[in-house]
Amino acid sequence: MRVSGCNSVLANWARGISLPRGRGSGSGFLEQLKSASDAAASEKAAATLDLTKTDGELRTLLHKLTPGSRDVLDRMKSGKADVTENEWTALCEELEALGAISKDDFQYTRAGLRVIPLGYWGEDGEFVKYDTVSIMKNKLPDPLHSQGGQWICPDEYAWKGDPLAYLDNWMNSLYSWRSDMARARNEDGSPKYDNFSPITNQMNSCQKVTDLVRALWKCEEGVGL
């Protein structure tokens, strides 16, 4: 299945990275990844979803959505599992443009794409790679499509027309993966990994977008829209 918009998204994530050439340039590439990771972390801290909005602010947000996005929300609320990937992406694009969700929230909850954390930066400045997650078993990360220690992977089979179920399934997969790695130990019995924030941040984004959709449903009930 062809993922609509995949090339443009991959290009956006890869923009600004000059790929190293030759075997001796690996450390330079890791330094670029670290810089991109630090920048992304700063943006994440400054632009996260705010669910402390009042009912009035939520109603204002609801009124600013296009009829197409309002229709998507209505169909989701009624339990119809017929939302297309493009419809969900368009809704989330509007929410990002209106400042309701951050750029990272949007990327982490895209339909048809998975953003896979490759690892984290240790205290000694080394990049610590996570164990391979199941979705990557038969795929090799492409440095061209990696930025900030993350890999964008087309997801061709998980979309079933229910965006919140899609996000819930992904959160469960991330939670299971994180739990497995949290139990991993070195030979001396110490934890193999000490930082799971790249996975946790993605889970939080999925939960925040889910909560916002449900808040908009509740708001819609209250005003009779």
N, C-alpha and C. Protein backbone atom coordinates (compact mmCIF):
# COMPACT_ATOMS: atom_id res chain seq x y z
N MET A 1 0.84 -1.19 0.00
CA MET A 1 0.00 0.00 0.00
C MET A 1 0.88 1.24 0.00
N ARG A 2 0.54 2.20 -0.79
CA ARG A 2 1.32 3.44 -0.87
C ARG A 2 0.86 4.38 0.22
N VAL A 3 1.79 4.91 0.99
CA VAL A 3 1.47 5.83 2.08
C VAL A 3 1.49 7.24 1.54
N SER A 4 0.35 7.88 1.54
CA SER A 4 0.25 9.23 1.00
C SER A 4 1.05 10.19 1.86
N GLY A 5 1.82 11.04 1.20
CA GLY A 5 2.57 12.06 1.92
C GLY A 5 3.84 11.57 2.56
N CYS A 6 4.18 10.31 2.37
CA CYS A 6 5.34 9.73 3.04
C CYS A 6 6.62 10.46 2.65
N ASN A 7 6.81 10.69 1.35
CA ASN A 7 8.06 11.30 0.90
C ASN A 7 8.28 12.68 1.49
N SER A 8 7.20 13.48 1.56
CA SER A 8 7.35 14.84 2.08
C SER A 8 7.68 14.81 3.56
N VAL A 9 7.08 13.90 4.31
CA VAL A 9 7.35 13.82 5.74
C VAL A 9 8.78 13.39 5.98
N LEU A 10 9.23 12.37 5.22
CA LEU A 10 10.60 11.92 5.36
C LEU A 10 11.58 13.03 5.03
N ALA A 11 11.24 13.81 4.02
CA ALA A 11 12.12 14.91 3.63
C ALA A 11 12.20 15.95 4.74
N ASN A 12 11.06 16.24 5.38
CA ASN A 12 11.06 17.22 6.45
C ASN A 12 11.93 16.77 7.61
N TRP A 13 11.85 15.49 7.94
CA TRP A 13 12.65 14.99 9.05
C TRP A 13 14.12 14.97 8.70
N ALA A 14 14.43 14.71 7.45
CA ALA A 14 15.83 14.60 7.06
C ALA A 14 16.46 15.95 6.73
N ARG A 15 15.64 16.99 6.57
CA ARG A 15 16.13 18.29 6.15
C ARG A 15 17.18 18.82 7.12
N GLY A 16 18.23 19.35 6.56
CA GLY A 16 19.25 19.95 7.39
C GLY A 16 20.37 19.01 7.78
N ILE A 17 20.26 17.72 7.42
CA ILE A 17 21.30 16.76 7.76
C ILE A 17 22.16 16.50 6.53
N SER A 18 23.44 16.72 6.62
CA SER A 18 24.36 16.38 5.55
C SER A 18 24.94 15.02 5.88
N LEU A 19 24.67 14.04 5.06
CA LEU A 19 25.09 12.68 5.36
C LEU A 19 26.59 12.54 5.23
N PRO A 20 27.19 11.81 6.19
CA PRO A 20 28.63 11.57 6.11
C PRO A 20 28.95 10.57 5.04
N ARG A 21 30.15 10.63 4.53
CA ARG A 21 30.58 9.67 3.52
C ARG A 21 31.84 8.96 3.99
N GLY A 22 31.89 7.67 3.70
CA GLY A 22 33.07 6.90 4.08
C GLY A 22 32.96 6.34 5.47
N ARG A 23 33.77 5.33 5.76
CA ARG A 23 33.70 4.64 7.03
C ARG A 23 34.17 5.50 8.19
N GLY A 24 35.03 6.44 7.93
CA GLY A 24 35.60 7.21 9.02
C GLY A 24 34.74 8.35 9.49
N SER A 25 33.54 8.52 8.94
CA SER A 25 32.73 9.69 9.27
C SER A 25 31.58 9.35 10.19
N GLY A 26 31.56 8.14 10.78
CA GLY A 26 30.44 7.74 11.63
C GLY A 26 30.27 8.63 12.83
N SER A 27 31.38 9.02 13.49
CA SER A 27 31.27 9.85 14.68
C SER A 27 30.69 11.21 14.34
N GLY A 28 31.01 11.75 13.14
CA GLY A 28 30.46 13.03 12.74
C GLY A 28 28.95 12.95 12.58
N PHE A 29 28.48 11.84 12.04
CA PHE A 29 27.05 11.67 11.85
C PHE A 29 26.34 11.59 13.20
N LEU A 30 26.96 10.87 14.16
CA LEU A 30 26.37 10.76 15.49
C LEU A 30 26.31 12.12 16.17
N GLU A 31 27.32 12.95 15.93
CA GLU A 31 27.30 14.29 16.50
C GLU A 31 26.14 15.11 15.93
N GLN A 32 25.88 14.93 14.62
CA GLN A 32 24.76 15.64 14.00
C GLN A 32 23.44 15.14 14.59
N LEU A 33 23.35 13.83 14.81
CA LEU A 33 22.14 13.28 15.42
C LEU A 33 21.95 13.84 16.82
N LYS A 34 23.04 13.94 17.58
CA LYS A 34 22.93 14.46 18.94
C LYS A 34 22.45 15.90 18.94
N SER A 35 22.99 16.72 18.04
CA SER A 35 22.56 18.12 17.96
C SER A 35 21.09 18.22 17.61
N ALA A 36 20.66 17.39 16.65
CA ALA A 36 19.26 17.39 16.26
C ALA A 36 18.39 16.92 17.40
N SER A 37 18.88 15.92 18.17
CA SER A 37 18.13 15.41 19.31
C SER A 37 17.96 16.47 20.38
N ASP A 38 19.04 17.21 20.69
CA ASP A 38 18.96 18.27 21.69
C ASP A 38 17.97 19.35 21.26
N ALA A 39 18.01 19.71 19.98
CA ALA A 39 17.09 20.74 19.48
C ALA A 39 15.65 20.27 19.57
N ALA A 40 15.42 18.99 19.23
CA ALA A 40 14.06 18.45 19.29
C ALA A 40 13.56 18.41 20.72
N ALA A 41 14.45 18.08 21.67
CA ALA A 41 14.05 18.04 23.07
C ALA A 41 13.64 19.41 23.57
N SER A 42 14.37 20.45 23.15
CA SER A 42 14.03 21.81 23.56
C SER A 42 12.68 22.23 22.99
N GLU A 43 12.44 21.87 21.72
CA GLU A 43 11.16 22.21 21.10
C GLU A 43 10.02 21.46 21.79
N LYS A 44 10.28 20.20 22.15
CA LYS A 44 9.25 19.40 22.81
C LYS A 44 8.85 20.04 24.13
N ALA A 45 9.84 20.51 24.88
CA ALA A 45 9.55 21.10 26.18
C ALA A 45 8.79 22.41 26.03
N ALA A 46 9.03 23.14 24.94
CA ALA A 46 8.42 24.46 24.76
C ALA A 46 7.05 24.39 24.09
N ALA A 47 6.76 23.29 23.39
CA ALA A 47 5.51 23.22 22.62
C ALA A 47 4.85 21.88 22.81
N THR A 48 4.14 21.72 23.91
CA THR A 48 3.41 20.49 24.18
C THR A 48 1.94 20.79 24.27
N LEU A 49 1.16 19.76 24.13
CA LEU A 49 -0.29 19.89 24.15
C LEU A 49 -0.77 20.36 25.50
N ASP A 50 -1.60 21.37 25.51
CA ASP A 50 -2.13 21.93 26.75
C ASP A 50 -3.58 21.49 26.91
N LEU A 51 -3.78 20.54 27.86
CA LEU A 51 -5.14 20.08 28.10
C LEU A 51 -5.77 20.78 29.31
N THR A 52 -5.21 21.92 29.72
CA THR A 52 -5.80 22.69 30.79
C THR A 52 -6.74 23.75 30.22
N LYS A 53 -7.05 23.63 28.95
CA LYS A 53 -7.92 24.61 28.31
C LYS A 53 -9.31 24.59 28.95
N THR A 54 -9.93 25.76 29.01
CA THR A 54 -11.27 25.86 29.53
C THR A 54 -12.26 25.36 28.47
N ASP A 55 -13.50 25.14 28.89
CA ASP A 55 -14.52 24.72 27.93
C ASP A 55 -14.68 25.76 26.82
N GLY A 56 -14.55 27.05 27.20
CA GLY A 56 -14.67 28.09 26.19
C GLY A 56 -13.58 28.01 25.15
N GLU A 57 -12.35 27.73 25.60
CA GLU A 57 -11.23 27.61 24.67
C GLU A 57 -11.40 26.38 23.77
N LEU A 58 -11.91 25.30 24.34
CA LEU A 58 -12.15 24.11 23.53
C LEU A 58 -13.25 24.36 22.50
N ARG A 59 -14.28 25.10 22.90
CA ARG A 59 -15.35 25.43 21.95
C ARG A 59 -14.80 26.30 20.82
N THR A 60 -13.93 27.25 21.17
CA THR A 60 -13.32 28.10 20.15
C THR A 60 -12.50 27.26 19.18
N LEU A 61 -11.74 26.32 19.72
CA LEU A 61 -10.95 25.43 18.88
C LEU A 61 -11.85 24.61 17.97
N LEU A 62 -12.93 24.11 18.52
CA LEU A 62 -13.87 23.30 17.74
C LEU A 62 -14.45 24.10 16.59
N HIS A 63 -14.82 25.37 16.86
CA HIS A 63 -15.41 26.21 15.82
C HIS A 63 -14.41 26.57 14.71
N LYS A 64 -13.11 26.55 15.04
CA LYS A 64 -12.10 26.90 14.05
C LYS A 64 -11.77 25.74 13.11
N LEU A 65 -12.17 24.54 13.47
CA LEU A 65 -11.91 23.39 12.60
C LEU A 65 -12.79 23.46 11.36
N THR A 66 -12.28 22.95 10.26
CA THR A 66 -13.05 22.93 9.02
C THR A 66 -14.20 21.92 9.13
N PRO A 67 -15.23 22.07 8.29
CA PRO A 67 -16.33 21.10 8.31
C PRO A 67 -15.85 19.66 8.12
N GLY A 68 -14.81 19.48 7.30
CA GLY A 68 -14.30 18.13 7.07
C GLY A 68 -13.74 17.51 8.35
N SER A 69 -13.00 18.29 9.11
CA SER A 69 -12.43 17.78 10.36
C SER A 69 -13.52 17.58 11.41
N ARG A 70 -14.50 18.47 11.42
CA ARG A 70 -15.62 18.28 12.35
C ARG A 70 -16.36 16.99 12.02
N ASP A 71 -16.49 16.70 10.74
CA ASP A 71 -17.16 15.46 10.32
C ASP A 71 -16.37 14.24 10.78
N VAL A 72 -15.05 14.31 10.69
CA VAL A 72 -14.21 13.20 11.16
C VAL A 72 -14.43 12.97 12.65
N LEU A 73 -14.45 14.05 13.43
CA LEU A 73 -14.69 13.92 14.87
C LEU A 73 -16.06 13.30 15.15
N ASP A 74 -17.09 13.73 14.41
CA ASP A 74 -18.43 13.20 14.61
C ASP A 74 -18.49 11.70 14.30
N ARG A 75 -17.85 11.29 13.22
CA ARG A 75 -17.86 9.87 12.85
C ARG A 75 -17.10 9.04 13.87
N MET A 76 -15.98 9.55 14.35
CA MET A 76 -15.24 8.84 15.38
C MET A 76 -16.07 8.71 16.65
N LYS A 77 -16.73 9.79 17.02
CA LYS A 77 -17.54 9.78 18.23
C LYS A 77 -18.68 8.79 18.15
N SER A 78 -19.26 8.63 16.96
CA SER A 78 -20.38 7.70 16.79
C SER A 78 -19.93 6.24 16.64
N GLY A 79 -18.60 6.03 16.66
CA GLY A 79 -18.08 4.67 16.60
C GLY A 79 -17.85 4.11 15.22
N LYS A 80 -17.92 4.98 14.20
CA LYS A 80 -17.70 4.50 12.83
C LYS A 80 -16.19 4.35 12.57
N ALA A 81 -15.80 3.17 12.18
CA ALA A 81 -14.39 2.90 11.88
C ALA A 81 -14.15 3.05 10.39
N ASP A 82 -14.42 4.26 9.88
CA ASP A 82 -14.29 4.49 8.43
C ASP A 82 -13.44 5.72 8.11
N VAL A 83 -12.65 6.16 9.08
CA VAL A 83 -11.80 7.34 8.87
C VAL A 83 -10.56 6.92 8.07
N THR A 84 -10.29 7.65 7.00
CA THR A 84 -9.11 7.33 6.19
C THR A 84 -7.86 7.93 6.81
N GLU A 85 -6.71 7.43 6.39
CA GLU A 85 -5.44 7.98 6.87
C GLU A 85 -5.32 9.46 6.53
N ASN A 86 -5.74 9.83 5.31
CA ASN A 86 -5.64 11.23 4.90
C ASN A 86 -6.55 12.12 5.72
N GLU A 87 -7.74 11.63 6.08
CA GLU A 87 -8.67 12.43 6.89
C GLU A 87 -8.10 12.67 8.28
N TRP A 88 -7.53 11.63 8.88
CA TRP A 88 -6.95 11.80 10.21
C TRP A 88 -5.75 12.74 10.17
N THR A 89 -4.93 12.61 9.16
CA THR A 89 -3.77 13.48 9.01
C THR A 89 -4.20 14.93 8.84
N ALA A 90 -5.24 15.15 8.04
CA ALA A 90 -5.74 16.51 7.83
C ALA A 90 -6.26 17.13 9.13
N LEU A 91 -6.97 16.33 9.94
CA LEU A 91 -7.48 16.81 11.23
C LEU A 91 -6.31 17.21 12.12
N CYS A 92 -5.30 16.35 12.22
CA CYS A 92 -4.16 16.63 13.09
C CYS A 92 -3.34 17.81 12.58
N GLU A 93 -3.27 17.98 11.27
CA GLU A 93 -2.59 19.14 10.70
C GLU A 93 -3.28 20.43 11.15
N GLU A 94 -4.60 20.41 11.14
CA GLU A 94 -5.35 21.59 11.60
C GLU A 94 -5.12 21.85 13.07
N LEU A 95 -5.12 20.80 13.88
CA LEU A 95 -4.89 20.96 15.32
C LEU A 95 -3.50 21.54 15.58
N GLU A 96 -2.51 21.11 14.79
CA GLU A 96 -1.16 21.66 14.95
C GLU A 96 -1.13 23.12 14.52
N ALA A 97 -1.75 23.42 13.39
CA ALA A 97 -1.76 24.79 12.88
C ALA A 97 -2.46 25.74 13.86
N LEU A 98 -3.44 25.24 14.59
CA LEU A 98 -4.18 26.06 15.56
C LEU A 98 -3.48 26.11 16.92
N GLY A 99 -2.34 25.43 17.04
CA GLY A 99 -1.58 25.48 18.28
C GLY A 99 -2.09 24.54 19.35
N ALA A 100 -2.97 23.61 19.00
CA ALA A 100 -3.53 22.69 19.99
C ALA A 100 -2.60 21.53 20.28
N ILE A 101 -1.78 21.15 19.30
CA ILE A 101 -0.79 20.10 19.50
C ILE A 101 0.54 20.57 18.93
N SER A 102 1.62 19.97 19.40
CA SER A 102 2.95 20.36 18.94
C SER A 102 3.32 19.62 17.67
N LYS A 103 4.42 20.04 17.07
CA LYS A 103 4.93 19.37 15.88
C LYS A 103 5.24 17.91 16.18
N ASP A 104 5.86 17.65 17.34
CA ASP A 104 6.17 16.28 17.71
C ASP A 104 4.91 15.45 17.92
N ASP A 105 3.90 16.04 18.57
CA ASP A 105 2.63 15.34 18.77
C ASP A 105 2.06 14.91 17.42
N PHE A 106 2.13 15.82 16.45
CA PHE A 106 1.61 15.51 15.11
C PHE A 106 2.40 14.37 14.47
N GLN A 107 3.73 14.46 14.51
CA GLN A 107 4.55 13.43 13.86
C GLN A 107 4.36 12.07 14.52
N TYR A 108 4.26 12.04 15.84
CA TYR A 108 4.15 10.78 16.55
C TYR A 108 2.80 10.10 16.36
N THR A 109 1.81 10.84 15.93
CA THR A 109 0.47 10.27 15.79
C THR A 109 0.02 10.21 14.32
N ARG A 110 0.97 10.29 13.41
CA ARG A 110 0.65 10.20 11.99
C ARG A 110 0.07 8.84 11.63
N ALA A 111 -0.87 8.84 10.71
CA ALA A 111 -1.40 7.59 10.17
C ALA A 111 -0.44 7.07 9.10
N GLY A 112 -0.19 5.78 9.12
CA GLY A 112 0.62 5.16 8.08
C GLY A 112 2.12 5.30 8.28
N LEU A 113 2.55 5.94 9.37
CA LEU A 113 3.98 6.08 9.66
C LEU A 113 4.24 5.77 11.12
N ARG A 114 5.39 5.18 11.40
CA ARG A 114 5.81 4.98 12.77
C ARG A 114 7.15 5.69 12.96
N VAL A 115 7.27 6.41 14.05
CA VAL A 115 8.54 7.03 14.41
C VAL A 115 9.16 6.15 15.49
N ILE A 116 10.24 5.45 15.14
CA ILE A 116 10.85 4.47 16.03
C ILE A 116 12.07 5.08 16.71
N PRO A 117 12.08 5.21 18.05
CA PRO A 117 13.29 5.68 18.73
C PRO A 117 14.40 4.63 18.59
N LEU A 118 15.56 5.05 18.15
CA LEU A 118 16.67 4.12 17.98
C LEU A 118 17.47 3.94 19.27
N GLY A 119 17.37 4.90 20.19
CA GLY A 119 18.12 4.82 21.43
C GLY A 119 18.17 6.17 22.11
N TYR A 120 19.20 6.40 22.91
CA TYR A 120 19.32 7.66 23.66
C TYR A 120 20.80 7.97 23.86
N TRP A 121 21.06 9.22 24.24
CA TRP A 121 22.43 9.66 24.48
C TRP A 121 22.78 9.45 25.94
N GLY A 122 23.82 8.65 26.21
CA GLY A 122 24.25 8.38 27.57
C GLY A 122 25.00 9.55 28.17
N GLU A 123 25.27 9.46 29.48
CA GLU A 123 25.95 10.55 30.18
C GLU A 123 27.37 10.76 29.66
N ASP A 124 27.94 9.70 29.08
CA ASP A 124 29.30 9.83 28.55
C ASP A 124 29.33 10.35 27.13
N GLY A 125 28.15 10.71 26.60
CA GLY A 125 28.08 11.26 25.25
C GLY A 125 27.95 10.23 24.16
N GLU A 126 27.91 8.94 24.55
CA GLU A 126 27.77 7.88 23.56
C GLU A 126 26.29 7.61 23.29
N PHE A 127 26.00 7.23 22.04
CA PHE A 127 24.63 6.90 21.68
C PHE A 127 24.37 5.43 22.03
N VAL A 128 23.40 5.18 22.92
CA VAL A 128 23.06 3.83 23.36
C VAL A 128 21.88 3.33 22.55
N LYS A 129 22.08 2.29 21.78
CA LYS A 129 21.03 1.75 20.92
C LYS A 129 20.13 0.80 21.71
N TYR A 130 18.82 0.93 21.50
CA TYR A 130 17.86 0.01 22.11
C TYR A 130 17.90 -1.34 21.38
N ASP A 131 17.35 -2.36 22.05
CA ASP A 131 17.14 -3.63 21.38
C ASP A 131 16.16 -3.42 20.23
N THR A 132 16.27 -4.22 19.20
CA THR A 132 15.43 -4.06 18.02
C THR A 132 13.96 -4.33 18.35
N VAL A 133 13.12 -3.37 18.02
CA VAL A 133 11.68 -3.55 18.21
C VAL A 133 11.14 -4.40 17.08
N SER A 134 10.03 -5.12 17.31
CA SER A 134 9.53 -6.10 16.35
C SER A 134 9.25 -5.50 14.98
N ILE A 135 8.79 -4.24 14.92
CA ILE A 135 8.45 -3.65 13.62
C ILE A 135 9.68 -3.47 12.75
N MET A 136 10.87 -3.52 13.37
CA MET A 136 12.10 -3.31 12.62
C MET A 136 12.83 -4.61 12.31
N LYS A 137 12.26 -5.74 12.66
CA LYS A 137 12.96 -7.02 12.51
C LYS A 137 13.44 -7.25 11.09
N ASN A 138 12.59 -6.94 10.12
CA ASN A 138 12.94 -7.22 8.73
C ASN A 138 13.26 -5.95 7.94
N LYS A 139 13.57 -4.86 8.65
CA LYS A 139 13.87 -3.60 8.00
C LYS A 139 15.17 -3.04 8.57
N LEU A 140 15.90 -2.32 7.78
CA LEU A 140 17.13 -1.70 8.24
C LEU A 140 16.93 -0.19 8.29
N PRO A 141 17.24 0.45 9.43
CA PRO A 141 17.12 1.91 9.51
C PRO A 141 17.97 2.58 8.44
N ASP A 142 17.40 3.57 7.80
CA ASP A 142 18.09 4.32 6.75
C ASP A 142 18.52 5.66 7.33
N PRO A 143 19.83 5.93 7.43
CA PRO A 143 20.28 7.19 8.02
C PRO A 143 19.67 8.42 7.35
N LEU A 144 19.31 8.32 6.07
CA LEU A 144 18.71 9.45 5.38
C LEU A 144 17.37 9.82 5.99
N HIS A 145 16.68 8.81 6.56
CA HIS A 145 15.37 9.02 7.12
C HIS A 145 15.39 8.99 8.65
N SER A 146 16.57 9.21 9.21
CA SER A 146 16.72 9.23 10.66
C SER A 146 17.17 10.61 11.10
N GLN A 147 16.65 11.04 12.22
CA GLN A 147 17.05 12.34 12.75
C GLN A 147 16.84 12.32 14.25
N GLY A 148 17.80 12.85 14.99
CA GLY A 148 17.64 12.91 16.44
C GLY A 148 17.50 11.54 17.07
N GLY A 149 18.12 10.50 16.48
CA GLY A 149 18.04 9.17 17.06
C GLY A 149 16.70 8.49 16.85
N GLN A 150 15.98 8.88 15.80
CA GLN A 150 14.68 8.29 15.50
C GLN A 150 14.64 7.86 14.03
N TRP A 151 13.78 6.90 13.75
CA TRP A 151 13.65 6.38 12.40
C TRP A 151 12.19 6.38 11.99
N ILE A 152 11.90 6.93 10.81
CA ILE A 152 10.54 6.95 10.30
C ILE A 152 10.32 5.72 9.44
N CYS A 153 9.33 4.91 9.81
CA CYS A 153 9.09 3.64 9.14
C CYS A 153 7.65 3.60 8.61
N PRO A 154 7.45 3.37 7.33
CA PRO A 154 6.08 3.20 6.81
C PRO A 154 5.38 2.05 7.51
N ASP A 155 4.14 2.27 7.89
CA ASP A 155 3.34 1.25 8.58
C ASP A 155 2.14 0.95 7.70
N GLU A 156 2.18 -0.16 6.99
CA GLU A 156 1.24 -0.40 5.91
C GLU A 156 0.02 -1.22 6.28
N TYR A 157 -0.03 -1.76 7.52
CA TYR A 157 -1.08 -2.73 7.78
C TYR A 157 -1.94 -2.46 9.01
N ALA A 158 -1.52 -1.55 9.88
CA ALA A 158 -2.19 -1.40 11.16
C ALA A 158 -3.44 -0.51 11.11
N TRP A 159 -3.59 0.30 10.07
CA TRP A 159 -4.71 1.24 10.02
C TRP A 159 -6.01 0.51 9.68
N LYS A 160 -7.02 0.64 10.59
CA LYS A 160 -8.31 -0.03 10.39
C LYS A 160 -9.47 0.95 10.38
N GLY A 161 -9.18 2.26 10.28
CA GLY A 161 -10.25 3.25 10.20
C GLY A 161 -10.66 3.85 11.52
N ASP A 162 -10.05 3.39 12.63
CA ASP A 162 -10.35 3.93 13.96
C ASP A 162 -9.08 4.55 14.53
N PRO A 163 -8.91 5.88 14.42
CA PRO A 163 -7.66 6.52 14.84
C PRO A 163 -7.29 6.28 16.29
N LEU A 164 -8.27 6.32 17.20
CA LEU A 164 -7.94 6.15 18.61
C LEU A 164 -7.53 4.72 18.92
N ALA A 165 -8.13 3.75 18.24
CA ALA A 165 -7.70 2.37 18.41
C ALA A 165 -6.29 2.19 17.85
N TYR A 166 -6.01 2.87 16.76
CA TYR A 166 -4.68 2.83 16.15
C TYR A 166 -3.63 3.35 17.14
N LEU A 167 -3.92 4.50 17.78
CA LEU A 167 -2.99 5.06 18.74
C LEU A 167 -2.87 4.18 19.98
N ASP A 168 -3.99 3.61 20.41
CA ASP A 168 -3.97 2.75 21.59
C ASP A 168 -3.11 1.51 21.36
N ASN A 169 -3.26 0.91 20.18
CA ASN A 169 -2.46 -0.27 19.86
C ASN A 169 -0.97 0.07 19.83
N TRP A 170 -0.65 1.25 19.29
CA TRP A 170 0.76 1.65 19.22
C TRP A 170 1.31 1.93 20.61
N MET A 171 0.50 2.58 21.46
CA MET A 171 0.94 2.83 22.83
C MET A 171 1.20 1.51 23.57
N ASN A 172 0.33 0.53 23.36
CA ASN A 172 0.53 -0.78 23.99
C ASN A 172 1.82 -1.44 23.50
N SER A 173 2.10 -1.30 22.20
CA SER A 173 3.33 -1.87 21.65
C SER A 173 4.56 -1.20 22.25
N LEU A 174 4.51 0.14 22.35
CA LEU A 174 5.63 0.87 22.93
C LEU A 174 5.82 0.52 24.40
N TYR A 175 4.71 0.38 25.13
CA TYR A 175 4.78 0.04 26.55
C TYR A 175 5.40 -1.34 26.74
N SER A 176 4.98 -2.30 25.91
CA SER A 176 5.52 -3.66 26.01
C SER A 176 7.01 -3.67 25.70
N TRP A 177 7.40 -2.94 24.66
CA TRP A 177 8.81 -2.85 24.27
C TRP A 177 9.64 -2.22 25.38
N ARG A 178 9.13 -1.12 25.92
CA ARG A 178 9.84 -0.43 27.01
C ARG A 178 9.96 -1.33 28.24
N SER A 179 8.90 -2.06 28.56
CA SER A 179 8.92 -2.95 29.72
C SER A 179 9.95 -4.06 29.56
N ASP A 180 10.01 -4.63 28.34
CA ASP A 180 10.98 -5.69 28.07
C ASP A 180 12.41 -5.17 28.27
N MET A 181 12.68 -3.98 27.77
CA MET A 181 14.04 -3.43 27.89
C MET A 181 14.35 -3.01 29.32
N ALA A 182 13.31 -2.61 30.08
CA ALA A 182 13.54 -2.22 31.47
C ALA A 182 13.97 -3.43 32.31
N ARG A 183 13.60 -4.62 31.86
CA ARG A 183 13.99 -5.83 32.58
C ARG A 183 15.36 -6.36 32.15
N ALA A 184 15.89 -5.82 31.05
CA ALA A 184 17.18 -6.29 30.53
C ALA A 184 18.32 -5.90 31.49
N ARG A 185 19.28 -6.80 31.66
CA ARG A 185 20.38 -6.58 32.58
C ARG A 185 21.73 -6.87 31.91
N ASN A 186 22.75 -6.15 32.36
CA ASN A 186 24.12 -6.44 31.95
C ASN A 186 24.63 -7.66 32.71
N GLU A 187 25.81 -8.11 32.36
CA GLU A 187 26.38 -9.29 33.01
C GLU A 187 26.56 -9.09 34.51
N ASP A 188 26.79 -7.86 34.95
CA ASP A 188 26.99 -7.60 36.38
C ASP A 188 25.67 -7.38 37.12
N GLY A 189 24.54 -7.53 36.39
CA GLY A 189 23.23 -7.39 37.02
C GLY A 189 22.67 -5.99 36.98
N SER A 190 23.42 -5.02 36.50
CA SER A 190 22.93 -3.65 36.42
C SER A 190 21.98 -3.51 35.22
N PRO A 191 21.08 -2.52 35.28
CA PRO A 191 20.15 -2.31 34.15
C PRO A 191 20.92 -2.04 32.87
N LYS A 192 20.46 -2.64 31.78
CA LYS A 192 21.12 -2.43 30.49
C LYS A 192 20.86 -1.03 29.95
N TYR A 193 19.69 -0.48 30.26
CA TYR A 193 19.31 0.85 29.80
C TYR A 193 18.87 1.68 30.99
N ASP A 194 19.18 2.98 30.95
CA ASP A 194 18.75 3.84 32.05
C ASP A 194 17.96 5.04 31.58
N ASN A 195 17.57 5.06 30.32
CA ASN A 195 16.80 6.20 29.80
C ASN A 195 15.81 5.70 28.76
N PHE A 196 14.52 5.87 29.03
CA PHE A 196 13.48 5.46 28.09
C PHE A 196 12.62 6.65 27.65
N SER A 197 13.15 7.87 27.88
CA SER A 197 12.36 9.06 27.56
C SER A 197 11.95 9.17 26.09
N PRO A 198 12.78 8.73 25.11
CA PRO A 198 12.32 8.82 23.72
C PRO A 198 11.06 8.00 23.47
N ILE A 199 10.94 6.86 24.14
CA ILE A 199 9.74 6.03 24.00
C ILE A 199 8.58 6.64 24.78
N THR A 200 8.88 7.08 26.00
CA THR A 200 7.83 7.66 26.86
C THR A 200 7.26 8.93 26.24
N ASN A 201 8.11 9.77 25.64
CA ASN A 201 7.61 11.00 25.01
C ASN A 201 6.62 10.69 23.91
N GLN A 202 6.90 9.64 23.13
CA GLN A 202 5.99 9.28 22.05
C GLN A 202 4.67 8.74 22.60
N MET A 203 4.74 7.93 23.65
CA MET A 203 3.53 7.44 24.28
C MET A 203 2.69 8.60 24.82
N ASN A 204 3.37 9.58 25.43
CA ASN A 204 2.66 10.73 25.98
C ASN A 204 1.96 11.53 24.89
N SER A 205 2.61 11.69 23.74
CA SER A 205 1.99 12.41 22.63
C SER A 205 0.72 11.69 22.15
N CYS A 206 0.82 10.36 22.02
CA CYS A 206 -0.36 9.58 21.61
C CYS A 206 -1.50 9.76 22.60
N GLN A 207 -1.16 9.73 23.89
CA GLN A 207 -2.20 9.87 24.91
C GLN A 207 -2.78 11.28 24.91
N LYS A 208 -1.93 12.28 24.71
CA LYS A 208 -2.41 13.66 24.72
C LYS A 208 -3.35 13.94 23.56
N VAL A 209 -3.03 13.42 22.37
CA VAL A 209 -3.92 13.63 21.22
C VAL A 209 -5.23 12.88 21.43
N THR A 210 -5.14 11.68 21.99
CA THR A 210 -6.36 10.93 22.30
C THR A 210 -7.23 11.71 23.28
N ASP A 211 -6.61 12.26 24.34
CA ASP A 211 -7.37 13.01 25.34
C ASP A 211 -7.99 14.26 24.74
N LEU A 212 -7.28 14.92 23.82
CA LEU A 212 -7.83 16.12 23.19
C LEU A 212 -9.06 15.79 22.36
N VAL A 213 -8.99 14.71 21.60
CA VAL A 213 -10.15 14.30 20.80
C VAL A 213 -11.36 14.05 21.70
N ARG A 214 -11.13 13.35 22.79
CA ARG A 214 -12.24 13.05 23.72
C ARG A 214 -12.76 14.32 24.39
N ALA A 215 -11.86 15.27 24.67
CA ALA A 215 -12.29 16.54 25.25
C ALA A 215 -13.14 17.32 24.27
N LEU A 216 -12.79 17.27 22.98
CA LEU A 216 -13.59 17.95 21.96
C LEU A 216 -14.95 17.28 21.81
N TRP A 217 -15.00 15.96 21.93
CA TRP A 217 -16.29 15.27 21.90
C TRP A 217 -17.19 15.76 23.04
N LYS A 218 -16.61 15.82 24.23
CA LYS A 218 -17.38 16.24 25.40
C LYS A 218 -17.84 17.68 25.26
N CYS A 219 -16.96 18.53 24.75
CA CYS A 219 -17.31 19.92 24.52
C CYS A 219 -18.44 20.05 23.52
N GLU A 220 -18.41 19.24 22.49
CA GLU A 220 -19.43 19.27 21.46
C GLU A 220 -20.78 18.90 22.02
N GLU A 221 -20.79 17.94 22.93
CA GLU A 221 -22.05 17.54 23.59
C GLU A 221 -22.62 18.69 24.40
N GLY A 222 -21.73 19.42 25.09
CA GLY A 222 -22.18 20.48 25.97
C GLY A 222 -22.79 21.66 25.25
N VAL A 223 -22.34 21.94 24.02
CA VAL A 223 -22.84 23.11 23.32
C VAL A 223 -23.84 22.75 22.24
N GLY A 224 -24.04 21.44 22.06
CA GLY A 224 -25.05 21.01 21.08
C GLY A 224 -24.68 21.32 19.66
N LEU A 225 -23.37 21.24 19.34
CA LEU A 225 -22.93 21.55 17.98
C LEU A 225 -23.15 20.37 17.07
